[in-house]
Amino acid sequence: MKRCALAPLGGMYEPCEGRVEWHHVWIYGGRQIQEVWAIIAACHHHHDMVTKQQAVRMAFEAASLHEATDADLAEYPRKNWKQIKKSLGL
């Protein structure tokens, strides 16, 4: 992961700025999920925007779920993944 997950989306979001950081997308049981599919590359600018702009947060969530398999998600049964995917339009 050498570039921000939002970089390919181009004009939909503000341009990427700063170094690439790791964004832990999901919290489960009060802890960050430490799985490859749940950790997304984010430039500093977009990583900072996650808590400020819902659209950016949702874009990272969608990118994460595109990487996850059904078996991956089954390891975290208390999250309603079906509903989350539906709300993200997946």
Protein backbone atom coordinates (compact mmCIF):
# COMPACT_ATOMS: atom_id res chain seq x y z
CA MET A 1 0.00 0.00 0.00
CA LYS A 2 1.95 2.91 -1.31
CA ARG A 3 -0.82 5.38 -2.01
CA CYS A 4 -4.02 6.61 -0.46
CA ALA A 5 -7.06 4.42 -1.10
CA LEU A 6 -8.92 7.55 -2.24
CA ALA A 7 -6.31 8.52 -4.85
CA PRO A 8 -7.95 6.52 -7.69
CA LEU A 9 -11.24 8.35 -7.08
CA GLY A 10 -9.68 11.56 -8.37
CA GLY A 11 -12.04 14.51 -8.44
CA MET A 12 -14.61 13.05 -6.03
CA TYR A 13 -12.50 14.15 -3.04
CA GLU A 14 -9.91 16.76 -2.32
CA PRO A 15 -6.46 15.83 -3.69
CA CYS A 16 -4.18 13.65 -1.59
CA GLU A 17 -1.56 15.45 0.50
CA GLY A 18 1.14 14.29 2.86
CA ARG A 19 2.67 10.96 3.70
CA VAL A 20 0.79 7.67 3.56
CA GLU A 21 -0.45 6.47 6.95
CA TRP A 22 -2.37 3.39 8.09
CA HIS A 23 -6.04 3.89 8.84
CA HIS A 24 -7.70 1.21 10.98
CA VAL A 25 -11.20 1.33 9.58
CA TRP A 26 -13.15 -0.86 12.01
CA ILE A 27 -13.53 -1.03 15.79
CA TYR A 28 -14.81 -4.29 17.26
CA GLY A 29 -15.23 -4.90 20.96
CA GLY A 30 -13.58 -1.56 21.69
CA ARG A 31 -10.41 -2.46 19.78
CA GLN A 32 -9.16 -1.83 16.27
CA ILE A 33 -9.48 -4.83 13.97
CA GLN A 34 -5.91 -5.86 13.17
CA GLU A 35 -6.53 -7.62 9.85
CA VAL A 36 -5.06 -6.78 6.44
CA TRP A 37 -8.51 -6.05 4.99
CA ALA A 38 -9.34 -3.66 7.85
CA ILE A 39 -6.23 -1.47 7.55
CA ILE A 40 -6.28 0.95 4.61
CA ALA A 41 -3.60 3.29 3.26
CA ALA A 42 -4.57 6.94 3.68
CA CYS A 43 -2.68 10.11 2.91
CA HIS A 44 -2.32 12.38 5.93
CA HIS A 45 -4.92 14.79 4.58
CA HIS A 46 -7.66 12.18 4.07
CA HIS A 47 -6.74 10.37 7.28
CA ASP A 48 -7.34 13.62 9.16
CA MET A 49 -10.71 14.04 7.42
CA VAL A 50 -12.12 10.65 8.55
CA THR A 51 -13.59 12.10 11.74
CA LYS A 52 -14.70 15.33 10.06
CA GLN A 53 -16.40 14.18 6.86
CA GLN A 54 -18.77 11.24 6.71
CA ALA A 55 -18.21 10.73 2.98
CA VAL A 56 -14.49 10.15 3.50
CA ARG A 57 -15.14 7.72 6.37
CA MET A 58 -17.65 5.82 4.24
CA ALA A 59 -15.23 5.68 1.29
CA PHE A 60 -12.59 4.05 3.50
CA GLU A 61 -15.19 1.63 4.88
CA ALA A 62 -16.23 0.64 1.35
CA ALA A 63 -12.58 0.18 0.30
CA SER A 64 -12.03 -2.06 3.32
CA LEU A 65 -15.09 -4.20 2.65
CA HIS A 66 -14.03 -4.68 -0.98
CA GLU A 67 -10.89 -6.38 0.40
CA ALA A 68 -12.72 -8.56 2.95
CA THR A 69 -14.06 -12.02 2.22
CA ASP A 70 -17.21 -13.47 3.77
CA ALA A 71 -14.94 -15.68 5.90
CA ASP A 72 -13.06 -12.59 7.14
CA LEU A 73 -16.29 -10.90 8.18
CA ALA A 74 -17.62 -14.08 9.83
CA GLU A 75 -14.85 -13.75 12.42
CA TYR A 76 -16.64 -10.63 13.71
CA PRO A 77 -20.27 -11.80 14.05
CA ARG A 78 -21.53 -9.01 16.30
CA LYS A 79 -21.27 -6.49 13.47
CA ASN A 80 -24.19 -6.51 11.06
CA TRP A 81 -22.01 -6.60 7.95
CA LYS A 82 -24.99 -7.11 5.66
CA GLN A 83 -26.59 -3.88 6.88
CA ILE A 84 -23.29 -1.99 6.77
CA LYS A 85 -22.73 -3.06 3.16
CA LYS A 86 -26.27 -2.04 2.28
CA SER A 87 -25.80 1.41 3.83
CA LEU A 88 -22.60 1.85 1.81
CA GLY A 89 -24.31 0.80 -1.40
CA LEU A 90 -22.28 -2.39 -1.80
